[in-house]
N, C-alpha and C. Protein backbone atom coordinates (compact mmCIF):
# COMPACT_ATOMS: atom_id res chain seq x y z
N MET A 1 -6.37 -74.39 74.38
CA MET A 1 -7.15 -74.95 74.11
C MET A 1 -6.60 -76.25 73.53
N THR A 2 -7.16 -77.18 73.98
CA THR A 2 -7.31 -78.71 73.59
C THR A 2 -7.18 -78.68 71.61
N ALA A 3 -6.80 -80.10 71.60
CA ALA A 3 -6.75 -80.48 69.75
C ALA A 3 -8.14 -80.55 69.14
N THR A 4 -9.23 -81.49 70.43
CA THR A 4 -10.43 -81.57 70.33
C THR A 4 -11.05 -80.48 69.48
N ASP A 5 -10.61 -79.47 70.81
CA ASP A 5 -11.23 -77.76 70.51
C ASP A 5 -10.77 -76.92 69.40
N LEU A 6 -9.41 -77.11 69.12
CA LEU A 6 -8.62 -76.83 67.54
C LEU A 6 -8.92 -77.77 66.32
N GLU A 7 -9.40 -79.08 66.49
CA GLU A 7 -9.88 -79.30 65.65
C GLU A 7 -11.78 -79.23 65.00
N ARG A 8 -12.10 -78.84 66.23
CA ARG A 8 -14.11 -78.60 66.03
C ARG A 8 -13.96 -77.32 64.99
N LYS A 9 -13.03 -76.46 66.16
CA LYS A 9 -12.82 -74.64 65.47
C LYS A 9 -12.23 -75.19 63.41
N VAL A 10 -11.34 -75.84 63.37
CA VAL A 10 -10.78 -75.91 62.06
C VAL A 10 -12.33 -76.30 61.12
N ARG A 11 -12.99 -77.34 61.84
CA ARG A 11 -14.41 -77.66 60.75
C ARG A 11 -15.62 -76.89 61.19
N GLN A 12 -15.19 -76.48 61.82
CA GLN A 12 -16.57 -74.85 62.14
C GLN A 12 -16.11 -73.47 61.04
N LEU A 13 -14.89 -73.47 61.00
CA LEU A 13 -14.33 -72.58 60.15
C LEU A 13 -14.46 -73.24 58.51
N ASP A 14 -13.98 -74.54 58.39
CA ASP A 14 -14.54 -75.19 56.87
C ASP A 14 -15.79 -74.94 56.36
N HIS A 15 -16.71 -75.43 57.10
CA HIS A 15 -18.12 -75.51 56.81
C HIS A 15 -19.12 -73.96 56.51
N ASP A 16 -17.94 -73.42 57.20
CA ASP A 16 -18.52 -71.49 57.06
C ASP A 16 -18.03 -71.49 56.36
N VAL A 17 -16.89 -71.95 55.64
CA VAL A 17 -16.70 -71.48 54.34
C VAL A 17 -17.01 -71.73 52.98
N SER A 18 -17.58 -72.91 53.12
CA SER A 18 -18.61 -74.16 52.35
C SER A 18 -19.72 -73.12 52.27
N ALA A 19 -20.54 -72.65 53.04
CA ALA A 19 -21.68 -71.57 53.40
C ALA A 19 -20.98 -70.89 52.71
N ILE A 20 -20.61 -70.04 52.70
CA ILE A 20 -20.01 -68.56 51.86
C ILE A 20 -20.19 -69.12 50.38
N TYR A 21 -19.28 -70.25 50.23
CA TYR A 21 -19.40 -70.51 48.83
C TYR A 21 -20.51 -70.75 48.26
N THR A 22 -21.50 -71.30 48.69
CA THR A 22 -22.49 -71.41 48.31
C THR A 22 -23.27 -70.74 48.49
N MET A 23 -23.55 -69.69 49.24
CA MET A 23 -24.45 -68.52 48.67
C MET A 23 -23.30 -67.55 47.80
N ILE A 24 -22.38 -66.76 47.77
CA ILE A 24 -21.71 -67.08 46.46
C ILE A 24 -22.35 -67.34 45.06
N PHE A 25 -22.38 -68.66 45.00
CA PHE A 25 -23.29 -69.62 44.12
C PHE A 25 -24.37 -68.89 43.06
N ASP A 26 -25.05 -68.85 44.67
CA ASP A 26 -26.50 -68.43 44.51
C ASP A 26 -26.65 -66.80 44.67
N VAL A 27 -26.23 -66.69 44.45
CA VAL A 27 -26.13 -64.84 44.49
C VAL A 27 -25.32 -65.25 42.94
N GLN A 28 -24.78 -65.50 42.36
CA GLN A 28 -24.30 -65.31 40.72
C GLN A 28 -25.36 -65.93 40.16
N GLY A 29 -26.49 -66.83 40.62
CA GLY A 29 -26.88 -67.54 39.92
C GLY A 29 -28.07 -65.95 39.52
N THR A 30 -28.78 -65.77 40.47
CA THR A 30 -29.17 -64.73 40.58
C THR A 30 -28.82 -63.57 39.68
N GLN A 31 -27.28 -63.10 39.79
CA GLN A 31 -27.14 -62.39 39.15
C GLN A 31 -27.79 -62.19 37.80
N LYS A 32 -26.79 -64.05 37.16
CA LYS A 32 -27.06 -63.90 36.05
C LYS A 32 -29.00 -64.05 35.09
N ARG A 33 -29.45 -64.10 35.67
CA ARG A 33 -31.07 -64.21 36.16
C ARG A 33 -31.07 -63.09 35.84
N HIS A 34 -30.69 -62.09 36.85
CA HIS A 34 -31.57 -60.26 36.39
C HIS A 34 -30.48 -59.66 35.04
N THR A 35 -29.69 -60.40 34.34
CA THR A 35 -28.64 -59.30 33.50
C THR A 35 -29.53 -60.66 32.24
N ASN A 36 -29.91 -61.41 32.28
CA ASN A 36 -30.72 -62.00 31.44
C ASN A 36 -32.22 -61.11 31.44
N ARG A 37 -32.93 -60.94 32.04
CA ARG A 37 -34.08 -60.32 32.20
C ARG A 37 -33.36 -58.96 31.85
N PHE A 38 -32.96 -58.68 32.20
CA PHE A 38 -32.62 -56.82 31.78
C PHE A 38 -32.19 -56.77 30.55
N ASP A 39 -31.55 -57.79 30.27
CA ASP A 39 -31.44 -58.03 28.01
C ASP A 39 -32.69 -58.02 27.34
N GLU A 40 -33.39 -59.12 27.76
CA GLU A 40 -34.80 -58.70 27.58
C GLU A 40 -35.76 -57.97 27.34
N LEU A 41 -35.72 -57.17 28.63
CA LEU A 41 -36.23 -55.71 28.61
C LEU A 41 -35.79 -54.42 28.49
N GLN A 42 -34.65 -54.83 27.28
CA GLN A 42 -33.82 -53.45 26.71
C GLN A 42 -33.89 -53.61 25.95
N SER A 43 -34.70 -55.28 25.09
CA SER A 43 -34.78 -55.67 23.67
C SER A 43 -36.03 -54.87 24.19
N ASP A 44 -36.73 -55.36 24.52
CA ASP A 44 -38.21 -54.83 24.55
C ASP A 44 -38.74 -52.99 24.25
N ILE A 45 -37.56 -52.58 25.19
CA ILE A 45 -37.73 -50.92 25.29
C ILE A 45 -37.25 -50.56 23.91
N VAL A 46 -36.51 -51.18 23.60
CA VAL A 46 -35.85 -50.43 21.67
C VAL A 46 -36.91 -50.94 21.16
N ALA A 47 -37.02 -52.10 20.53
CA ALA A 47 -38.33 -52.23 20.31
C ALA A 47 -39.95 -51.16 20.11
N LEU A 48 -40.52 -51.04 21.61
CA LEU A 48 -41.26 -49.74 21.45
C LEU A 48 -40.21 -47.71 21.57
N GLY A 49 -39.09 -48.08 21.22
CA GLY A 49 -38.63 -47.02 20.90
C GLY A 49 -39.25 -47.13 19.56
N GLN A 50 -38.49 -47.94 18.59
CA GLN A 50 -39.06 -47.96 16.65
C GLN A 50 -40.43 -47.40 16.55
N ARG A 51 -41.16 -48.57 18.02
CA ARG A 51 -42.57 -48.36 17.06
C ARG A 51 -43.01 -47.24 17.28
N ALA A 52 -42.47 -45.95 18.97
CA ALA A 52 -43.08 -44.82 18.68
C ALA A 52 -42.67 -43.98 17.51
N ALA A 53 -41.14 -44.47 16.55
CA ALA A 53 -41.36 -43.48 15.79
C ALA A 53 -42.17 -43.76 14.83
N GLY A 54 -42.43 -45.06 14.36
CA GLY A 54 -43.10 -44.81 13.56
C GLY A 54 -44.74 -44.82 13.73
N LEU A 55 -44.90 -44.34 15.33
CA LEU A 55 -46.40 -43.73 15.34
C LEU A 55 -46.00 -42.55 15.27
N GLU A 56 -44.94 -42.23 15.49
CA GLU A 56 -44.70 -40.65 15.76
C GLU A 56 -44.98 -39.65 13.45
N GLY A 57 -44.53 -41.05 13.47
CA GLY A 57 -44.02 -40.20 11.91
C GLY A 57 -45.07 -40.06 11.56
N ARG A 58 -46.28 -41.67 11.97
CA ARG A 58 -47.57 -41.68 10.95
C ARG A 58 -48.94 -39.73 11.85
N MET A 59 -48.82 -39.72 12.77
CA MET A 59 -48.75 -38.86 13.50
C MET A 59 -48.65 -37.47 12.96
N GLU A 60 -47.12 -37.76 12.52
CA GLU A 60 -47.22 -36.24 11.63
C GLU A 60 -48.04 -36.23 9.97
N GLY A 61 -47.88 -37.75 9.24
CA GLY A 61 -48.63 -37.64 8.14
C GLY A 61 -50.07 -37.10 8.45
N LEU A 62 -51.42 -37.74 9.50
CA LEU A 62 -52.08 -37.55 9.94
C LEU A 62 -52.17 -35.89 9.96
N ASP A 63 -51.26 -35.41 10.83
CA ASP A 63 -51.48 -34.15 10.80
C ASP A 63 -51.30 -33.03 9.51
N GLY A 64 -50.67 -33.33 8.61
CA GLY A 64 -50.63 -32.88 7.34
C GLY A 64 -52.61 -33.31 6.62
N ARG A 65 -52.32 -34.28 6.80
CA ARG A 65 -54.26 -34.41 6.17
C ARG A 65 -54.97 -33.58 7.09
N MET A 66 -54.93 -33.46 7.69
CA MET A 66 -55.46 -32.34 8.45
C MET A 66 -55.45 -31.17 8.51
N GLU A 67 -54.14 -30.85 8.24
CA GLU A 67 -54.38 -29.34 7.58
C GLU A 67 -54.72 -29.16 6.07
N GLY A 68 -54.38 -30.10 5.35
CA GLY A 68 -55.25 -30.07 4.19
C GLY A 68 -56.40 -29.94 3.92
N LEU A 69 -57.49 -30.95 5.00
CA LEU A 69 -59.20 -30.73 4.64
C LEU A 69 -59.37 -29.14 5.70
N GLU A 70 -58.36 -29.25 6.18
CA GLU A 70 -58.79 -27.35 6.87
C GLU A 70 -58.87 -26.37 5.99
N VAL A 71 -57.53 -26.24 4.87
CA VAL A 71 -57.70 -25.37 3.84
C VAL A 71 -58.87 -26.02 3.27
N LYS A 72 -59.34 -27.12 3.12
CA LYS A 72 -60.09 -27.36 1.57
C LYS A 72 -61.40 -27.21 2.29
N LEU A 73 -61.91 -27.13 3.66
CA LEU A 73 -63.05 -26.79 4.46
C LEU A 73 -63.33 -25.27 4.54
N ASP A 74 -61.82 -24.34 4.72
CA ASP A 74 -61.89 -22.71 4.95
C ASP A 74 -62.67 -22.73 3.89
N GLN A 75 -61.98 -22.87 2.02
CA GLN A 75 -62.38 -22.62 1.01
C GLN A 75 -64.49 -23.21 0.32
N VAL A 76 -64.61 -24.27 1.13
CA VAL A 76 -65.73 -24.57 0.73
C VAL A 76 -66.42 -23.56 1.68
N LEU A 77 -66.12 -23.17 2.93
CA LEU A 77 -66.89 -22.57 3.90
C LEU A 77 -67.45 -20.83 3.26
N GLU A 78 -66.08 -20.54 2.39
CA GLU A 78 -65.72 -19.49 1.44
C GLU A 78 -66.75 -19.12 0.68
N LEU A 79 -66.83 -20.73 -0.13
CA LEU A 79 -67.93 -20.80 -1.45
C LEU A 79 -69.19 -20.29 -0.50
N LEU A 80 -69.19 -21.31 0.11
CA LEU A 80 -70.57 -20.92 0.44
C LEU A 80 -71.44 -19.49 1.21
N ARG A 81 -70.27 -18.36 1.66
CA ARG A 81 -70.60 -17.39 2.18
C ARG A 81 -70.93 -16.37 1.48
N ARG A 82 -70.10 -16.82 -0.40
CA ARG A 82 -70.84 -15.58 -1.62
C ARG A 82 -71.74 -16.07 -1.85
């Protein structure tokens, strides 16, 4: 291997290393964007969970009211049958 071949090989390896660092930098940028998006989605999921819990409470309240109406309806029907 001549000195020129060796220099060419060293330049190619240096270029390859630079290209690898560029790719790693790009991957890190993508990972940061994904991490930020995952954090946003997690916040959205927590908010949806809280909203669902609130809706569940309201549904329980409506269920109680429906039971009350059912009792009253039964009473009205009982009075009508007399």
